[in-house]
N, C-alpha and C. Protein backbone atom coordinates (compact mmCIF):
# COMPACT_ATOMS: atom_id res chain seq x y z
N MET A 1 6.80 -1.98 15.64
CA MET A 1 8.04 -1.96 14.93
C MET A 1 9.08 -1.30 15.83
N ILE A 2 10.22 -1.90 15.90
CA ILE A 2 11.34 -1.35 16.66
C ILE A 2 12.38 -0.93 15.64
N SER A 3 12.89 0.29 15.76
CA SER A 3 13.85 0.75 14.77
C SER A 3 14.84 1.74 15.37
N PHE A 4 15.91 1.94 14.61
CA PHE A 4 16.86 2.98 14.96
C PHE A 4 17.23 3.72 13.69
N ASN A 5 17.73 4.93 13.86
CA ASN A 5 18.07 5.76 12.71
C ASN A 5 19.46 5.46 12.20
N ASP A 6 19.63 5.63 10.91
CA ASP A 6 20.94 5.49 10.30
C ASP A 6 21.88 6.48 10.99
N GLY A 7 23.04 6.01 11.39
CA GLY A 7 24.00 6.86 12.07
C GLY A 7 23.95 6.77 13.58
N ASP A 8 22.91 6.12 14.13
CA ASP A 8 22.79 6.00 15.59
C ASP A 8 23.80 5.02 16.17
N MET A 9 24.20 4.05 15.38
CA MET A 9 25.16 3.05 15.86
C MET A 9 26.56 3.65 15.77
N THR A 10 27.05 4.10 16.91
CA THR A 10 28.38 4.72 16.93
C THR A 10 29.29 3.91 17.85
N PHE A 11 30.10 3.08 17.24
CA PHE A 11 31.07 2.27 17.95
C PHE A 11 32.25 2.04 17.01
N PRO A 12 33.38 1.67 17.52
CA PRO A 12 34.54 1.44 16.66
C PRO A 12 34.25 0.34 15.64
N GLU A 13 34.76 0.50 14.44
CA GLU A 13 34.51 -0.46 13.36
C GLU A 13 34.90 -1.89 13.75
N GLU A 14 35.95 -2.01 14.54
CA GLU A 14 36.40 -3.35 14.93
C GLU A 14 35.40 -4.05 15.86
N ASP A 15 34.43 -3.31 16.41
CA ASP A 15 33.40 -3.90 17.26
C ASP A 15 32.23 -4.46 16.45
N PHE A 16 32.20 -4.21 15.14
CA PHE A 16 31.05 -4.62 14.34
C PHE A 16 30.76 -6.12 14.44
N PRO A 17 31.75 -7.01 14.36
CA PRO A 17 31.42 -8.44 14.49
C PRO A 17 30.72 -8.78 15.81
N ALA A 18 31.13 -8.17 16.90
CA ALA A 18 30.50 -8.43 18.19
C ALA A 18 29.07 -7.88 18.22
N VAL A 19 28.87 -6.72 17.63
CA VAL A 19 27.53 -6.13 17.58
C VAL A 19 26.61 -7.00 16.71
N ALA A 20 27.10 -7.42 15.56
CA ALA A 20 26.31 -8.28 14.67
C ALA A 20 25.95 -9.58 15.39
N LYS A 21 26.89 -10.17 16.09
CA LYS A 21 26.64 -11.41 16.83
C LYS A 21 25.56 -11.20 17.88
N ALA A 22 25.66 -10.11 18.63
CA ALA A 22 24.67 -9.82 19.67
C ALA A 22 23.29 -9.59 19.07
N ALA A 23 23.24 -8.86 17.95
CA ALA A 23 21.96 -8.60 17.29
C ALA A 23 21.34 -9.90 16.78
N HIS A 24 22.16 -10.77 16.21
CA HIS A 24 21.64 -12.05 15.72
C HIS A 24 21.17 -12.95 16.86
N GLU A 25 21.80 -12.84 18.01
CA GLU A 25 21.34 -13.60 19.18
C GLU A 25 19.95 -13.15 19.61
N VAL A 26 19.71 -11.83 19.59
CA VAL A 26 18.38 -11.32 19.93
C VAL A 26 17.37 -11.79 18.89
N MET A 27 17.78 -11.76 17.62
CA MET A 27 16.89 -12.21 16.55
C MET A 27 16.53 -13.69 16.75
N ARG A 28 17.51 -14.53 17.03
CA ARG A 28 17.25 -15.95 17.27
C ARG A 28 16.30 -16.14 18.46
N GLU A 29 16.54 -15.37 19.52
CA GLU A 29 15.68 -15.45 20.70
C GLU A 29 14.25 -15.08 20.34
N GLY A 30 14.09 -14.03 19.53
CA GLY A 30 12.76 -13.61 19.10
C GLY A 30 12.06 -14.65 18.24
N VAL A 31 12.82 -15.27 17.33
CA VAL A 31 12.26 -16.34 16.50
C VAL A 31 11.82 -17.51 17.37
N GLU A 32 12.69 -17.91 18.29
CA GLU A 32 12.36 -19.02 19.19
C GLU A 32 11.16 -18.71 20.08
N ALA A 33 11.00 -17.44 20.46
CA ALA A 33 9.86 -17.03 21.29
C ALA A 33 8.59 -16.87 20.46
N GLY A 34 8.71 -16.91 19.13
CA GLY A 34 7.54 -16.80 18.26
C GLY A 34 7.03 -15.38 18.07
N ILE A 35 7.85 -14.37 18.40
CA ILE A 35 7.39 -12.98 18.28
C ILE A 35 8.01 -12.25 17.09
N TRP A 36 9.06 -12.82 16.50
CA TRP A 36 9.82 -12.14 15.44
C TRP A 36 9.11 -12.35 14.11
N LEU A 37 8.67 -11.25 13.46
CA LEU A 37 8.01 -11.35 12.17
C LEU A 37 8.96 -11.01 11.02
N GLU A 38 9.78 -9.98 11.22
CA GLU A 38 10.67 -9.51 10.15
C GLU A 38 11.69 -8.58 10.77
N GLY A 39 12.82 -8.45 10.13
CA GLY A 39 13.81 -7.52 10.62
C GLY A 39 14.98 -7.41 9.67
N GLY A 40 15.70 -6.34 9.81
CA GLY A 40 16.87 -6.14 8.98
C GLY A 40 17.87 -5.27 9.68
N GLY A 41 19.13 -5.56 9.43
CA GLY A 41 20.21 -4.83 10.06
C GLY A 41 20.45 -3.48 9.46
N GLY A 42 19.84 -3.20 8.37
CA GLY A 42 20.03 -1.90 7.77
C GLY A 42 19.64 -1.90 6.31
N PHE A 43 19.40 -0.74 5.82
CA PHE A 43 19.07 -0.57 4.42
C PHE A 43 20.34 -0.26 3.65
N MET A 44 20.40 -0.67 2.42
CA MET A 44 21.57 -0.44 1.59
C MET A 44 21.52 1.01 1.08
N GLY A 45 22.26 1.88 1.75
CA GLY A 45 22.29 3.28 1.34
C GLY A 45 20.98 3.97 1.63
N TYR A 46 20.88 5.18 1.15
CA TYR A 46 19.64 5.92 1.34
C TYR A 46 19.28 6.58 0.03
N SER A 47 18.59 5.82 -0.80
CA SER A 47 18.14 6.35 -2.08
C SER A 47 16.76 5.80 -2.39
N PRO A 48 15.76 6.17 -1.56
CA PRO A 48 14.42 5.65 -1.79
C PRO A 48 13.85 6.17 -3.11
N ARG A 49 12.98 5.40 -3.68
CA ARG A 49 12.26 5.79 -4.88
C ARG A 49 10.81 6.01 -4.49
N VAL A 50 10.19 6.97 -5.14
CA VAL A 50 8.79 7.28 -4.89
C VAL A 50 7.99 6.90 -6.14
N VAL A 51 6.92 6.14 -5.95
CA VAL A 51 6.04 5.77 -7.05
C VAL A 51 4.73 6.51 -6.84
N GLY A 52 4.39 7.35 -7.81
CA GLY A 52 3.20 8.19 -7.70
C GLY A 52 1.93 7.49 -8.09
N LEU A 53 0.81 8.17 -7.88
CA LEU A 53 -0.50 7.62 -8.22
C LEU A 53 -0.61 7.28 -9.70
N ASP A 54 0.13 7.99 -10.54
CA ASP A 54 0.10 7.75 -11.98
C ASP A 54 1.12 6.70 -12.42
N GLY A 55 1.88 6.14 -11.45
CA GLY A 55 2.88 5.13 -11.76
C GLY A 55 4.26 5.68 -12.05
N TRP A 56 4.38 7.00 -12.07
CA TRP A 56 5.67 7.63 -12.34
C TRP A 56 6.63 7.36 -11.18
N VAL A 57 7.87 6.99 -11.50
CA VAL A 57 8.87 6.70 -10.49
C VAL A 57 9.89 7.83 -10.48
N SER A 58 10.17 8.34 -9.27
CA SER A 58 11.13 9.44 -9.15
C SER A 58 12.00 9.23 -7.92
N ASP A 59 13.04 10.04 -7.83
CA ASP A 59 13.89 10.00 -6.64
C ASP A 59 13.10 10.44 -5.43
N GLY A 60 13.37 9.82 -4.30
CA GLY A 60 12.70 10.16 -3.06
C GLY A 60 13.66 10.86 -2.13
N PRO A 61 13.27 11.05 -0.92
CA PRO A 61 12.10 10.50 -0.24
C PRO A 61 10.85 11.35 -0.51
N LEU A 62 9.72 10.90 0.07
CA LEU A 62 8.49 11.67 -0.09
C LEU A 62 8.67 13.08 0.45
N THR A 63 9.22 13.18 1.66
CA THR A 63 9.49 14.47 2.30
C THR A 63 10.94 14.46 2.76
N ALA A 64 11.66 15.49 2.40
CA ALA A 64 13.07 15.56 2.79
C ALA A 64 13.20 15.56 4.32
N SER A 65 14.12 14.74 4.82
CA SER A 65 14.36 14.65 6.25
C SER A 65 15.79 14.20 6.47
N PRO A 66 16.44 14.74 7.49
CA PRO A 66 17.80 14.27 7.78
C PRO A 66 17.81 12.92 8.49
N VAL A 67 16.64 12.42 8.87
CA VAL A 67 16.53 11.19 9.62
C VAL A 67 15.93 10.10 8.73
N HIS A 68 16.54 8.93 8.73
CA HIS A 68 15.95 7.78 8.05
C HIS A 68 16.34 6.50 8.77
N ILE A 69 15.54 5.48 8.60
CA ILE A 69 15.71 4.24 9.34
C ILE A 69 17.01 3.55 8.95
N GLY A 70 17.75 3.13 9.97
CA GLY A 70 18.98 2.39 9.75
C GLY A 70 18.75 0.89 9.84
N GLY A 71 17.89 0.45 10.73
CA GLY A 71 17.57 -0.95 10.90
C GLY A 71 16.24 -1.08 11.60
N PHE A 72 15.63 -2.26 11.52
CA PHE A 72 14.29 -2.41 12.09
C PHE A 72 14.01 -3.85 12.44
N ALA A 73 13.01 -4.03 13.29
CA ALA A 73 12.46 -5.34 13.61
C ALA A 73 10.96 -5.18 13.75
N VAL A 74 10.23 -6.11 13.16
CA VAL A 74 8.78 -6.14 13.33
C VAL A 74 8.48 -7.36 14.19
N ILE A 75 7.89 -7.09 15.34
CA ILE A 75 7.57 -8.16 16.28
C ILE A 75 6.08 -8.12 16.60
N GLN A 76 5.56 -9.24 17.09
CA GLN A 76 4.16 -9.28 17.52
C GLN A 76 4.12 -9.75 18.96
N VAL A 77 3.76 -8.82 19.83
CA VAL A 77 3.72 -9.11 21.26
C VAL A 77 2.37 -8.68 21.84
N ALA A 78 2.12 -9.10 23.06
CA ALA A 78 0.81 -8.87 23.69
C ALA A 78 0.68 -7.52 24.38
N SER A 79 1.79 -6.83 24.65
CA SER A 79 1.67 -5.59 25.42
C SER A 79 2.79 -4.61 25.07
N ASP A 80 2.56 -3.36 25.43
CA ASP A 80 3.58 -2.34 25.27
C ASP A 80 4.82 -2.70 26.08
N GLU A 81 4.59 -3.21 27.27
CA GLU A 81 5.71 -3.55 28.14
C GLU A 81 6.60 -4.61 27.50
N GLU A 82 5.97 -5.60 26.87
CA GLU A 82 6.76 -6.65 26.21
C GLU A 82 7.53 -6.06 25.02
N ALA A 83 6.90 -5.17 24.28
CA ALA A 83 7.60 -4.50 23.16
C ALA A 83 8.79 -3.72 23.68
N HIS A 84 8.62 -3.06 24.81
CA HIS A 84 9.72 -2.29 25.40
C HIS A 84 10.86 -3.21 25.86
N ARG A 85 10.50 -4.37 26.38
CA ARG A 85 11.55 -5.33 26.80
C ARG A 85 12.38 -5.78 25.59
N TRP A 86 11.71 -6.07 24.49
CA TRP A 86 12.43 -6.48 23.28
C TRP A 86 13.24 -5.33 22.71
N ALA A 87 12.69 -4.13 22.75
CA ALA A 87 13.44 -2.96 22.27
C ALA A 87 14.70 -2.76 23.11
N HIS A 88 14.60 -3.01 24.40
CA HIS A 88 15.78 -2.89 25.26
C HIS A 88 16.84 -3.91 24.87
N LYS A 89 16.42 -5.15 24.60
CA LYS A 89 17.38 -6.17 24.18
C LYS A 89 18.09 -5.74 22.89
N ILE A 90 17.33 -5.20 21.96
CA ILE A 90 17.91 -4.75 20.69
C ILE A 90 18.82 -3.55 20.92
N ALA A 91 18.41 -2.64 21.80
CA ALA A 91 19.23 -1.47 22.10
C ALA A 91 20.59 -1.88 22.65
N VAL A 92 20.59 -2.85 23.56
CA VAL A 92 21.85 -3.33 24.13
C VAL A 92 22.69 -3.98 23.04
N ALA A 93 22.08 -4.84 22.22
CA ALA A 93 22.82 -5.54 21.17
C ALA A 93 23.40 -4.57 20.14
N CYS A 94 22.60 -3.58 19.74
CA CYS A 94 23.02 -2.64 18.69
C CYS A 94 23.76 -1.42 19.22
N ARG A 95 23.77 -1.30 20.54
CA ARG A 95 24.47 -0.19 21.20
C ARG A 95 23.92 1.18 20.82
N CYS A 96 22.58 1.24 20.68
CA CYS A 96 21.96 2.54 20.42
C CYS A 96 20.48 2.47 20.82
N PRO A 97 19.89 3.61 21.15
CA PRO A 97 18.47 3.64 21.52
C PRO A 97 17.59 3.14 20.37
N GLN A 98 16.42 2.64 20.72
CA GLN A 98 15.47 2.12 19.75
C GLN A 98 14.14 2.85 19.87
N GLU A 99 13.49 3.05 18.75
CA GLU A 99 12.16 3.65 18.72
C GLU A 99 11.13 2.54 18.58
N VAL A 100 10.04 2.62 19.33
CA VAL A 100 8.99 1.61 19.28
C VAL A 100 7.73 2.27 18.74
N ARG A 101 7.15 1.63 17.72
CA ARG A 101 5.88 2.13 17.15
C ARG A 101 4.90 0.97 17.04
N LYS A 102 3.63 1.27 17.30
CA LYS A 102 2.58 0.27 17.11
C LYS A 102 2.17 0.28 15.64
N ILE A 103 1.92 -0.91 15.12
CA ILE A 103 1.39 -1.05 13.77
C ILE A 103 -0.11 -1.29 13.91
N MET A 104 -0.88 -0.54 13.18
CA MET A 104 -2.34 -0.60 13.27
C MET A 104 -2.84 -2.02 12.98
N ASP A 105 -3.74 -2.50 13.80
CA ASP A 105 -4.36 -3.81 13.59
C ASP A 105 -5.27 -3.72 12.38
N ASP A 106 -5.24 -4.73 11.52
CA ASP A 106 -6.04 -4.75 10.30
C ASP A 106 -6.60 -6.16 10.10
N PRO A 107 -7.71 -6.51 10.76
CA PRO A 107 -8.26 -7.87 10.65
C PRO A 107 -8.56 -8.28 9.21
N GLU A 108 -9.06 -7.39 8.39
CA GLU A 108 -9.34 -7.72 6.99
C GLU A 108 -8.05 -8.02 6.25
N GLY A 109 -7.01 -7.23 6.50
CA GLY A 109 -5.70 -7.50 5.90
C GLY A 109 -5.15 -8.85 6.34
N ASP A 110 -5.37 -9.19 7.61
CA ASP A 110 -4.93 -10.50 8.10
C ASP A 110 -5.64 -11.62 7.35
N ARG A 111 -6.94 -11.46 7.10
CA ARG A 111 -7.70 -12.48 6.38
C ARG A 111 -7.16 -12.61 4.95
N ILE A 112 -6.87 -11.48 4.32
CA ILE A 112 -6.34 -11.52 2.96
C ILE A 112 -4.98 -12.20 2.95
N PHE A 113 -4.12 -11.80 3.87
CA PHE A 113 -2.77 -12.36 3.94
C PHE A 113 -2.80 -13.85 4.19
N LEU A 114 -3.66 -14.29 5.08
CA LEU A 114 -3.72 -15.71 5.41
C LEU A 114 -4.52 -16.51 4.39
N GLY A 115 -5.19 -15.80 3.45
CA GLY A 115 -5.95 -16.50 2.42
C GLY A 115 -7.16 -17.21 2.94
N ASN A 116 -7.74 -16.68 4.01
CA ASN A 116 -8.89 -17.35 4.61
C ASN A 116 -9.93 -16.30 4.98
N ALA A 117 -10.88 -16.08 4.11
CA ALA A 117 -11.90 -15.05 4.33
C ALA A 117 -12.82 -15.38 5.51
N SER A 118 -12.78 -16.61 6.01
CA SER A 118 -13.67 -16.98 7.11
C SER A 118 -13.09 -16.65 8.48
N LEU A 119 -11.86 -16.13 8.54
CA LEU A 119 -11.27 -15.81 9.85
C LEU A 119 -11.97 -14.66 10.51
């Protein structure tokens, strides 16, 4: 997962259309390359809800933090180096550094998701 924190994008408001265009170009490139799984330009505000083990819903976050995700992309690539190359493309487009995290491989989850227990 490639992400940046809310507030990291610091550029003049009039530059937003150019930044959005650049970000969408990277997204299109990722889709065409077959590596783009999901992504979003940002979350609407910061008011997460927490659902407990008993089903109770309350205001979040789970743990108070001044940092929260502003935007993200989930990609599937063969190497750390390739992930870093895509993060660089996104960093340039969004005009801010990007954080790269590996998502744990889950073969059983993949079988469930694909609906094919024989995989």
